[in-house]
C-alpha atoms as a PDB file:
ATOM      1  CA  UNK A   1      -0.399  -0.259   0.021  1.00  0.00           C
ATOM      2  CA  UNK A   2       1.258   3.413  -0.729  1.00  0.00           C
ATOM      3  CA  UNK A   3       2.033   5.487   1.985  1.00  0.00           C
ATOM      4  CA  UNK A   4      -0.775   8.091   2.770  1.00  0.00           C
ATOM      5  CA  UNK A   5      -0.608  11.570   1.154  1.00  0.00           C
ATOM      6  CA  UNK A   6      -1.199  14.723   3.196  1.00  0.00           C
ATOM      7  CA  UNK A   7      -4.603  15.282   1.113  1.00  0.00           C
ATOM      8  CA  UNK A   8      -5.776  12.658   3.340  1.00  0.00           C
ATOM      9  CA  UNK A   9      -6.367  15.545   5.603  1.00  0.00           C
ATOM     10  CA  UNK A  10      -6.854  18.222   3.161  1.00  0.00           C
ATOM     11  CA  UNK A  11     -11.008  18.215   2.181  1.00  0.00           C
ATOM     12  CA  UNK A  12     -10.728  17.193  -1.948  1.00  0.00           C
ATOM     13  CA  UNK A  13     -12.500  18.845  -4.095  1.00  0.00           C
ATOM     14  CA  UNK A  14     -14.419  15.996  -5.956  1.00  0.00           C
ATOM     15  CA  UNK A  15     -15.308  12.589  -5.215  1.00  0.00           C
ATOM     16  CA  UNK A  16     -14.929   9.535  -7.515  1.00  0.00           C
ATOM     17  CA  UNK A  17     -16.638   6.350  -6.300  1.00  0.00           C
ATOM     18  CA  UNK A  18     -16.740   2.534  -7.875  1.00  0.00           C
ATOM     19  CA  UNK A  19     -20.166   1.589  -7.361  1.00  0.00           C
ATOM     20  CA  UNK A  20     -20.190  -2.206  -7.482  1.00  0.00           C
ATOM     21  CA  UNK A  21     -18.229  -3.450  -4.658  1.00  0.00           C
ATOM     22  CA  UNK A  22     -17.925   0.061  -3.548  1.00  0.00           C
ATOM     23  CA  UNK A  23     -20.414   1.948  -3.297  1.00  0.00           C
ATOM     24  CA  UNK A  24     -23.343  -0.126  -3.319  1.00  0.00           C
ATOM     25  CA  UNK A  25     -23.258  -2.841   0.035  1.00  0.00           C
ATOM     26  CA  UNK A  26     -23.425  -6.473  -1.154  1.00  0.00           C
ATOM     27  CA  UNK A  27     -27.048  -6.451  -1.841  1.00  0.00           C
ATOM     28  CA  UNK A  28     -26.365  -3.735  -4.462  1.00  0.00           C
ATOM     29  CA  UNK A  29     -28.191  -1.565  -1.956  1.00  0.00           C
ATOM     30  CA  UNK A  30     -27.193   2.115  -1.103  1.00  0.00           C
ATOM     31  CA  UNK A  31     -27.049   2.283   2.844  1.00  0.00           C
ATOM     32  CA  UNK A  32     -29.098   5.102   4.812  1.00  0.00           C
ATOM     33  CA  UNK A  33     -25.616   5.673   6.526  1.00  0.00           C
ATOM     34  CA  UNK A  34     -23.484   6.161   2.838  1.00  0.00           C
ATOM     35  CA  UNK A  35     -26.664   8.365   1.297  1.00  0.00           C
ATOM     36  CA  UNK A  36     -26.338  11.040   4.234  1.00  0.00           C
ATOM     37  CA  UNK A  37     -22.512  11.114   3.712  1.00  0.00           C
ATOM     38  CA  UNK A  38     -23.011  11.616  -0.260  1.00  0.00           C
ATOM     39  CA  UNK A  39     -25.653  13.911   0.198  1.00  0.00           C
ATOM     40  CA  UNK A  40     -24.567  16.089   2.831  1.00  0.00           C
ATOM     41  CA  UNK A  41     -21.004  16.127   0.263  1.00  0.00           C
ATOM     42  CA  UNK A  42     -23.009  17.056  -2.436  1.00  0.00           C
ATOM     43  CA  UNK A  43     -25.211  20.157  -0.327  1.00  0.00           C
ATOM     44  CA  UNK A  44     -22.125  22.256   0.555  1.00  0.00           C
ATOM     45  CA  UNK A  45     -21.434  21.760  -3.625  1.00  0.00           C
ATOM     46  CA  UNK A  46     -18.611  19.049  -3.497  1.00  0.00           C
ATOM     47  CA  UNK A  47     -19.087  16.800  -6.850  1.00  0.00           C
ATOM     48  CA  UNK A  48     -19.886  13.799  -6.286  1.00  0.00           C
ATOM     49  CA  UNK A  49     -18.862  11.509  -9.567  1.00  0.00           C
ATOM     50  CA  UNK A  50     -20.026   7.698 -10.017  1.00  0.00           C
ATOM     51  CA  UNK A  51     -17.032   6.095 -11.566  1.00  0.00           C
ATOM     52  CA  UNK A  52     -17.791   2.457 -12.807  1.00  0.00           C
ATOM     53  CA  UNK A  53     -17.923  -0.236 -15.517  1.00  0.00           C
ATOM     54  CA  UNK A  54     -21.479  -0.080 -15.714  1.00  0.00           C
ATOM     55  CA  UNK A  55     -22.788   1.322 -18.678  1.00  0.00           C
ATOM     56  CA  UNK A  56     -25.186   4.638 -18.770  1.00  0.00           C
ATOM     57  CA  UNK A  57     -28.094   2.296 -18.350  1.00  0.00           C
ATOM     58  CA  UNK A  58     -27.178   0.788 -15.274  1.00  0.00           C
ATOM     59  CA  UNK A  59     -26.828   3.922 -13.670  1.00  0.00           C
ATOM     60  CA  UNK A  60     -30.808   4.750 -12.976  1.00  0.00           C
ATOM     61  CA  UNK A  61     -31.157   2.188 -10.044  1.00  0.00           C
ATOM     62  CA  UNK A  62     -28.263   3.556  -8.117  1.00  0.00           C
ATOM     63  CA  UNK A  63     -29.468   7.147  -8.803  1.00  0.00           C
ATOM     64  CA  UNK A  64     -32.611   6.427  -7.798  1.00  0.00           C
ATOM     65  CA  UNK A  65     -31.239   5.283  -4.129  1.00  0.00           C
ATOM     66  CA  UNK A  66     -29.014   8.148  -4.008  1.00  0.00           C
ATOM     67  CA  UNK A  67     -31.580  10.490  -4.432  1.00  0.00           C
ATOM     68  CA  UNK A  68     -28.684  12.622  -6.419  1.00  0.00           C
ATOM     69  CA  UNK A  69     -27.872  12.893 -10.112  1.00  0.00           C
ATOM     70  CA  UNK A  70     -24.123  12.764 -10.589  1.00  0.00           C
ATOM     71  CA  UNK A  71     -21.984  13.027 -13.194  1.00  0.00           C
ATOM     72  CA  UNK A  72     -20.531   9.672 -14.314  1.00  0.00           C
ATOM     73  CA  UNK A  73     -17.348   8.035 -15.383  1.00  0.00           C
ATOM     74  CA  UNK A  74     -19.232   4.537 -17.140  1.00  0.00           C
ATOM     75  CA  UNK A  75     -17.822   1.445 -18.924  1.00  0.00           C
ATOM     76  CA  UNK A  76     -14.541   1.656 -17.662  1.00  0.00           C
ATOM     77  CA  UNK A  77     -14.033   5.385 -18.275  1.00  0.00           C
ATOM     78  CA  UNK A  78     -15.223   4.987 -22.526  1.00  0.00           C
ATOM     79  CA  UNK A  79     -17.779   6.956 -21.709  1.00  0.00           C
ATOM     80  CA  UNK A  80     -18.945  10.342 -19.947  1.00  0.00           C
ATOM     81  CA  UNK A  81     -22.651  10.114 -18.615  1.00  0.00           C
ATOM     82  CA  UNK A  82     -24.715  13.201 -17.462  1.00  0.00           C
ATOM     83  CA  UNK A  83     -27.368  11.036 -15.069  1.00  0.00           C
ATOM     84  CA  UNK A  84     -29.066  14.816 -14.451  1.00  0.00           C
ATOM     85  CA  UNK A  85     -29.785  15.458 -18.350  1.00  0.00           C
ATOM     86  CA  UNK A  86     -29.418  11.622 -19.875  1.00  0.00           C
ATOM     87  CA  UNK A  87     -26.997  12.656 -22.364  1.00  0.00           C
ATOM     88  CA  UNK A  88     -24.140  10.789 -23.419  1.00  0.00           C
ATOM     89  CA  UNK A  89     -21.367  13.659 -23.279  1.00  0.00           C
ATOM     90  CA  UNK A  90     -17.971  11.939 -24.658  1.00  0.00           C
ATOM     91  CA  UNK A  91     -17.389   8.369 -25.726  1.00  0.00           C
ATOM     92  CA  UNK A  92     -14.385   6.620 -26.861  1.00  0.00           C
ATOM     93  CA  UNK A  93     -14.521   3.495 -29.011  1.00  0.00           C
ATOM     94  CA  UNK A  94     -13.219   0.819 -30.786  1.00  0.00           C
ATOM     95  CA  UNK A  95     -13.943   0.578 -34.431  1.00  0.00           C
ATOM     96  CA  UNK A  96     -15.300  -2.294 -35.974  1.00  0.00           C
ATOM     97  CA  UNK A  97     -11.748  -3.365 -37.721  1.00  0.00           C
ATOM     98  CA  UNK A  98     -10.399  -3.497 -34.125  1.00  0.00           C
ATOM     99  CA  UNK A  99     -13.365  -5.639 -32.913  1.00  0.00           C
ATOM    100  CA  UNK A 100     -12.804  -8.141 -35.580  1.00  0.00           C
ATOM    101  CA  UNK A 101      -8.883  -8.132 -34.620  1.00  0.00           C
ATOM    102  CA  UNK A 102      -9.604  -9.106 -30.728  1.00  0.00           C
ATOM    103  CA  UNK A 103     -12.330 -11.326 -31.889  1.00  0.00           C
ATOM    104  CA  UNK A 104      -9.507 -13.144 -33.826  1.00  0.00           C
ATOM    105  CA  UNK A 105      -7.180 -13.429 -31.228  1.00  0.00           C
ATOM    106  CA  UNK A 106      -9.413 -14.040 -28.071  1.00  0.00           C
ATOM    107  CA  UNK A 107     -11.022 -16.888 -30.548  1.00  0.00           C
ATOM    108  CA  UNK A 108      -7.667 -18.557 -30.899  1.00  0.00           C
ATOM    109  CA  UNK A 109      -6.482 -17.949 -27.309  1.00  0.00           C
ATOM    110  CA  UNK A 110      -9.645 -18.576 -25.344  1.00  0.00           C
ATOM    111  CA  UNK A 111     -11.127 -21.222 -27.492  1.00  0.00           C
ATOM    112  CA  UNK A 112     -14.960 -21.745 -26.239  1.00  0.00           C
ATOM    113  CA  UNK A 113     -15.139 -18.198 -25.349  1.00  0.00           C
ATOM    114  CA  UNK A 114     -18.158 -16.160 -25.786  1.00  0.00           C
ATOM    115  CA  UNK A 115     -18.132 -12.193 -27.035  1.00  0.00           C
ATOM    116  CA  UNK A 116     -20.568  -9.318 -26.088  1.00  0.00           C
ATOM    117  CA  UNK A 117     -20.189  -5.546 -27.414  1.00  0.00           C
ATOM    118  CA  UNK A 118     -21.265  -2.784 -25.513  1.00  0.00           C
ATOM    119  CA  UNK A 119     -22.683   0.150 -27.420  1.00  0.00           C
ATOM    120  CA  UNK A 120     -23.825   4.079 -26.794  1.00  0.00           C
ATOM    121  CA  UNK A 121     -26.109   5.897 -28.415  1.00  0.00           C
ATOM    122  CA  UNK A 122     -26.798   9.739 -27.054  1.00  0.00           C
ATOM    123  CA  UNK A 123     -28.966   8.747 -24.492  1.00  0.00           C
ATOM    124  CA  UNK A 124     -28.796   5.939 -22.012  1.00  0.00           C
ATOM    125  CA  UNK A 125     -31.493   3.837 -22.913  1.00  0.00           C
ATOM    126  CA  UNK A 126     -31.006   5.101 -26.545  1.00  0.00           C
ATOM    127  CA  UNK A 127     -33.128   2.838 -29.085  1.00  0.00           C
ATOM    128  CA  UNK A 128     -31.548   3.485 -32.369  1.00  0.00           C
ATOM    129  CA  UNK A 129     -29.460   0.160 -32.300  1.00  0.00           C
ATOM    130  CA  UNK A 130     -29.142  -2.653 -29.655  1.00  0.00           C
ATOM    131  CA  UNK A 131     -26.944  -1.355 -27.309  1.00  0.00           C
ATOM    132  CA  UNK A 132     -25.686  -5.146 -25.512  1.00  0.00           C
ATOM    133  CA  UNK A 133     -26.008  -7.349 -28.209  1.00  0.00           C
ATOM    134  CA  UNK A 134     -23.708 -11.078 -27.819  1.00  0.00           C
ATOM    135  CA  UNK A 135     -22.747 -13.902 -29.658  1.00  0.00           C
ATOM    136  CA  UNK A 136     -24.924 -17.115 -29.275  1.00  0.00           C
ATOM    137  CA  UNK A 137     -24.099 -19.057 -26.727  1.00  0.00           C
ATOM    138  CA  UNK A 138     -22.456 -16.065 -24.789  1.00  0.00           C
ATOM    139  CA  UNK A 139     -22.294 -17.052 -20.812  1.00  0.00           C
ATOM    140  CA  UNK A 140     -23.339 -13.772 -18.670  1.00  0.00           C
ATOM    141  CA  UNK A 141     -21.423 -12.979 -15.470  1.00  0.00           C
ATOM    142  CA  UNK A 142     -24.687 -10.985 -14.287  1.00  0.00           C
ATOM    143  CA  UNK A 143     -27.752 -11.732 -13.448  1.00  0.00           C
ATOM    144  CA  UNK A 144     -30.537 -10.215 -15.518  1.00  0.00           C
ATOM    145  CA  UNK A 145     -28.809 -10.402 -18.708  1.00  0.00           C
ATOM    146  CA  UNK A 146     -30.468  -7.159 -20.672  1.00  0.00           C
ATOM    147  CA  UNK A 147     -28.777  -8.669 -24.171  1.00  0.00           C
ATOM    148  CA  UNK A 148     -29.684  -9.105 -27.565  1.00  0.00           C
ATOM    149  CA  UNK A 149     -28.563 -12.376 -29.021  1.00  0.00           C
ATOM    150  CA  UNK A 150     -27.177 -11.749 -32.413  1.00  0.00           C
ATOM    151  CA  UNK A 151     -24.642 -13.679 -34.884  1.00  0.00           C
ATOM    152  CA  UNK A 152     -20.923 -13.254 -34.105  1.00  0.00           C
ATOM    153  CA  UNK A 153     -19.954 -11.421 -36.848  1.00  0.00           C
ATOM    154  CA  UNK A 154     -23.021  -8.656 -35.967  1.00  0.00           C
ATOM    155  CA  UNK A 155     -21.479  -8.218 -32.546  1.00  0.00           C
ATOM    156  CA  UNK A 156     -18.235  -6.938 -34.066  1.00  0.00           C
ATOM    157  CA  UNK A 157     -20.164  -5.077 -36.875  1.00  0.00           C
ATOM    158  CA  UNK A 158     -20.383  -1.322 -35.102  1.00  0.00           C
ATOM    159  CA  UNK A 159     -18.092   0.199 -32.826  1.00  0.00           C
ATOM    160  CA  UNK A 160     -18.055  -0.722 -29.241  1.00  0.00           C
ATOM    161  CA  UNK A 161     -17.206   0.879 -25.817  1.00  0.00           C
ATOM    162  CA  UNK A 162     -16.305  -2.555 -24.268  1.00  0.00           C
ATOM    163  CA  UNK A 163     -15.358  -5.845 -25.917  1.00  0.00           C
ATOM    164  CA  UNK A 164     -16.474  -8.457 -23.296  1.00  0.00           C
ATOM    165  CA  UNK A 165     -14.606 -12.181 -23.230  1.00  0.00           C
ATOM    166  CA  UNK A 166     -17.008 -14.376 -21.591  1.00  0.00           C
ATOM    167  CA  UNK A 167     -14.895 -17.696 -20.405  1.00  0.00           C
ATOM    168  CA  UNK A 168     -16.559 -19.363 -17.369  1.00  0.00           C
ATOM    169  CA  UNK A 169     -13.700 -21.991 -17.408  1.00  0.00           C
ATOM    170  CA  UNK A 170     -11.074 -19.752 -16.576  1.00  0.00           C
ATOM    171  CA  UNK A 171     -10.444 -16.612 -13.875  1.00  0.00           C
ATOM    172  CA  UNK A 172     -10.473 -13.349 -15.123  1.00  0.00           C
ATOM    173  CA  UNK A 173      -6.795 -13.017 -14.562  1.00  0.00           C
ATOM    174  CA  UNK A 174      -5.337 -16.234 -16.437  1.00  0.00           C
ATOM    175  CA  UNK A 175      -7.536 -14.605 -19.264  1.00  0.00           C
ATOM    176  CA  UNK A 176      -6.127 -10.910 -19.237  1.00  0.00           C
ATOM    177  CA  UNK A 177      -2.738 -13.085 -19.117  1.00  0.00           C
ATOM    178  CA  UNK A 178      -2.947 -14.932 -21.954  1.00  0.00           C
ATOM    179  CA  UNK A 179      -4.705 -12.541 -24.216  1.00  0.00           C
ATOM    180  CA  UNK A 180      -2.581  -8.766 -22.849  1.00  0.00           C
ATOM    181  CA  UNK A 181       0.903  -9.929 -24.604  1.00  0.00           C
ATOM    182  CA  UNK A 182      -0.826 -10.162 -28.348  1.00  0.00           C
ATOM    183  CA  UNK A 183      -3.097  -7.752 -28.352  1.00  0.00           C
ATOM    184  CA  UNK A 184       0.063  -5.406 -28.435  1.00  0.00           C
ATOM    185  CA  UNK A 185      -0.943  -2.186 -27.426  1.00  0.00           C
ATOM    186  CA  UNK A 186      -3.883  -2.103 -29.322  1.00  0.00           C
ATOM    187  CA  UNK A 187      -6.710  -1.948 -26.570  1.00  0.00           C
ATOM    188  CA  UNK A 188      -6.571  -1.608 -23.004  1.00  0.00           C
ATOM    189  CA  UNK A 189      -7.546  -4.793 -20.845  1.00  0.00           C
ATOM    190  CA  UNK A 190      -8.941  -4.988 -17.156  1.00  0.00           C
ATOM    191  CA  UNK A 191     -11.881  -6.673 -15.157  1.00  0.00           C
ATOM    192  CA  UNK A 192     -14.097  -5.923 -12.246  1.00  0.00           C
ATOM    193  CA  UNK A 193     -14.683  -9.560 -11.541  1.00  0.00           C
ATOM    194  CA  UNK A 194     -12.619 -12.536 -11.956  1.00  0.00           C
ATOM    195  CA  UNK A 195     -15.539 -14.872 -12.862  1.00  0.00           C
ATOM    196  CA  UNK A 196     -14.103 -15.197 -16.262  1.00  0.00           C
ATOM    197  CA  UNK A 197     -14.820 -12.179 -17.532  1.00  0.00           C
ATOM    198  CA  UNK A 198     -12.295  -9.552 -19.016  1.00  0.00           C
ATOM    199  CA  UNK A 199     -13.624  -5.848 -20.637  1.00  0.00           C
ATOM    200  CA  UNK A 200     -11.463  -4.460 -23.518  1.00  0.00           C
ATOM    201  CA  UNK A 201     -11.487  -0.800 -24.058  1.00  0.00           C
ATOM    202  CA  UNK A 202     -10.006   1.864 -26.663  1.00  0.00           C
ATOM    203  CA  UNK A 203      -6.241   2.059 -26.213  1.00  0.00           C
ATOM    204  CA  UNK A 204      -5.364   4.630 -22.949  1.00  0.00           C
ATOM    205  CA  UNK A 205      -9.105   4.037 -21.815  1.00  0.00           C
ATOM    206  CA  UNK A 206      -9.351   3.628 -18.639  1.00  0.00           C
ATOM    207  CA  UNK A 207     -11.035   4.936 -15.146  1.00  0.00           C
ATOM    208  CA  UNK A 208      -8.741   7.067 -14.853  1.00  0.00           C
ATOM    209  CA  UNK A 209      -8.763   9.019 -18.719  1.00  0.00           C
ATOM    210  CA  UNK A 210     -12.730   9.191 -17.945  1.00  0.00           C
ATOM    211  CA  UNK A 211     -12.583  10.832 -14.978  1.00  0.00           C
ATOM    212  CA  UNK A 212      -9.590  13.123 -15.985  1.00  0.00           C
ATOM    213  CA  UNK A 213     -12.216  14.695 -18.704  1.00  0.00           C
ATOM    214  CA  UNK A 214     -14.614  14.931 -15.795  1.00  0.00           C
ATOM    215  CA  UNK A 215     -12.325  16.806 -13.748  1.00  0.00           C
ATOM    216  CA  UNK A 216     -11.395  19.065 -16.413  1.00  0.00           C
ATOM    217  CA  UNK A 217     -14.439  20.447 -17.372  1.00  0.00           C
ATOM    218  CA  UNK A 218     -15.309  20.687 -13.409  1.00  0.00           C
ATOM    219  CA  UNK A 219     -11.989  22.859 -13.342  1.00  0.00           C
ATOM    220  CA  UNK A 220     -10.338  20.478 -10.363  1.00  0.00           C
ATOM    221  CA  UNK A 221      -7.271  19.122 -10.550  1.00  0.00           C
ATOM    222  CA  UNK A 222      -6.387  15.504 -10.332  1.00  0.00           C
ATOM    223  CA  UNK A 223      -4.599  16.054  -7.087  1.00  0.00           C
ATOM    224  CA  UNK A 224      -7.711  17.355  -5.685  1.00  0.00           C
ATOM    225  CA  UNK A 225      -9.937  13.885  -6.294  1.00  0.00           C
ATOM    226  CA  UNK A 226     -10.616  11.044  -3.487  1.00  0.00           C
ATOM    227  CA  UNK A 227     -11.880   8.205  -5.374  1.00  0.00           C
ATOM    228  CA  UNK A 228     -12.643   4.858  -3.989  1.00  0.00           C
ATOM    229  CA  UNK A 229     -12.227   1.659  -5.929  1.00  0.00           C
ATOM    230  CA  UNK A 230     -11.776  -2.379  -5.005  1.00  0.00           C
ATOM    231  CA  UNK A 231     -10.907  -3.942  -8.420  1.00  0.00           C
ATOM    232  CA  UNK A 232      -8.388  -3.663 -10.879  1.00  0.00           C
ATOM    233  CA  UNK A 233     -10.418  -1.635 -12.870  1.00  0.00           C
ATOM    234  CA  UNK A 234     -10.034   0.770 -10.362  1.00  0.00           C
ATOM    235  CA  UNK A 235      -6.347   0.797 -10.673  1.00  0.00           C
ATOM    236  CA  UNK A 236      -5.714   3.348 -12.925  1.00  0.00           C
ATOM    237  CA  UNK A 237      -7.808   6.013 -11.177  1.00  0.00           C
ATOM    238  CA  UNK A 238      -6.665   5.621  -7.620  1.00  0.00           C
ATOM    239  CA  UNK A 239      -3.024   5.790  -8.871  1.00  0.00           C
ATOM    240  CA  UNK A 240      -4.079   8.984 -10.568  1.00  0.00           C
ATOM    241  CA  UNK A 241      -5.939  10.898  -7.755  1.00  0.00           C
ATOM    242  CA  UNK A 242      -4.538  12.991  -5.200  1.00  0.00           C
ATOM    243  CA  UNK A 243      -6.374  10.381  -2.052  1.00  0.00           C
ATOM    244  CA  UNK A 244      -6.490   6.395  -3.675  1.00  0.00           C
ATOM    245  CA  UNK A 245      -9.345   4.579  -1.269  1.00  0.00           C
ATOM    246  CA  UNK A 246      -9.634   0.668  -1.532  1.00  0.00           C
ATOM    247  CA  UNK A 247     -12.041  -1.140   0.061  1.00  0.00           C
ATOM    248  CA  UNK A 248     -11.460  -3.650   2.730  1.00  0.00           C
ATOM    249  CA  UNK A 249     -13.313  -6.080   0.492  1.00  0.00           C
ATOM    250  CA  UNK A 250     -10.721  -4.969  -2.483  1.00  0.00           C
ATOM    251  CA  UNK A 251      -8.699  -7.174  -4.722  1.00  0.00           C
ATOM    252  CA  UNK A 252      -5.050  -7.187  -3.809  1.00  0.00           C
ATOM    253  CA  UNK A 253      -4.475  -5.223  -7.079  1.00  0.00           C
ATOM    254  CA  UNK A 254      -6.127  -2.117  -5.093  1.00  0.00           C
ATOM    255  CA  UNK A 255      -5.005  -2.781  -2.172  1.00  0.00           C
ATOM    256  CA  UNK A 256      -1.569  -2.434  -3.431  1.00  0.00           C
ATOM    257  CA  UNK A 257      -1.765   1.058  -5.323  1.00  0.00           C
ATOM    258  CA  UNK A 258      -4.343   2.762  -2.314  1.00  0.00           C
ATOM    259  CA  UNK A 259      -2.933   5.028  -0.149  1.00  0.00           C
ATOM    260  CA  UNK A 260      -5.964   3.721   2.283  1.00  0.00           C
ATOM    261  CA  UNK A 261      -7.800   1.132   2.846  1.00  0.00           C
ATOM    262  CA  UNK A 262     -11.376   1.501   4.422  1.00  0.00           C
ATOM    263  CA  UNK A 263     -13.918  -0.746   5.891  1.00  0.00           C
ATOM    264  CA  UNK A 264     -15.797  -3.144   3.305  1.00  0.00           C
ATOM    265  CA  UNK A 265     -18.864  -1.896   1.196  1.00  0.00           C
ATOM    266  CA  UNK A 266     -20.559  -4.331   3.809  1.00  0.00           C
ATOM    267  CA  UNK A 267     -19.521  -2.168   6.653  1.00  0.00           C
ATOM    268  CA  UNK A 268     -19.782   1.603   5.150  1.00  0.00           C
ATOM    269  CA  UNK A 269     -16.586   2.323   3.753  1.00  0.00           C
ATOM    270  CA  UNK A 270     -17.391   4.338   2.013  1.00  0.00           C
ATOM    271  CA  UNK A 271     -19.350   6.434   4.063  1.00  0.00           C
ATOM    272  CA  UNK A 272     -16.465   6.503   7.114  1.00  0.00           C
ATOM    273  CA  UNK A 273     -14.207   8.168   4.755  1.00  0.00           C
ATOM    274  CA  UNK A 274     -16.486  11.305   3.331  1.00  0.00           C
ATOM    275  CA  UNK A 275     -17.901  11.573   7.049  1.00  0.00           C
ATOM    276  CA  UNK A 276     -14.366  13.435   7.970  1.00  0.00           C
ATOM    277  CA  UNK A 277     -15.003  16.501   5.832  1.00  0.00           C
ATOM    278  CA  UNK A 278     -18.707  16.058   5.708  1.00  0.00           C
END
């Protein structure tokens, strides 16, 4: 764990939090204590940003529980979404040519894997094109999937903010280790669960890059940000900010780069830190 910086005692000018395993408790709820802490901060004018692997269309239930509509970094940094106005403000995509090239590598390196692609339109539920498409037989890692099943070729036909590769017989870490040397920088690889699912974004796209876009829009220096996370997809964000806080339930990769460790998401870990200042 990195040493605790002086910023741990200075009130941040922006706070960013991962959602699953961090802001939400193990039952996917925002607890009353966490809600109070976030609303107290927002009432004093400090922006709160959700920074998540979730797509914009999965933000609504979190906003409803918070009682506050924040700016959001979605799809591991590929999308900046304003939940208050329901507008996609920025999107970084993988081209269809790159998707096909990555798919070829995935099928050769991880036999039996399935592919899915996450797309965005102008709003969270833009119906102009299916937003989450998967190849036949794709095994979902999450409950209540909202995919549209299409052919393998159709998954790759439209630029996407994320390519998801699923192989339930492997761990996500093993999948990254196998693919990353072959991808050769043409995509960023990460994972938010170790359950055989990895997520690929355009080169240089991480939660850190997405949060940098939001911070610039709000006129906040990255050193003035506090951020919370629990998984490898949070690592770039935790390393970038002035105060990176890992949850007590965090993956070793997040623990290794954090400036400090708070309680688990089952024990209001985010709120416990925010209550220092609000």
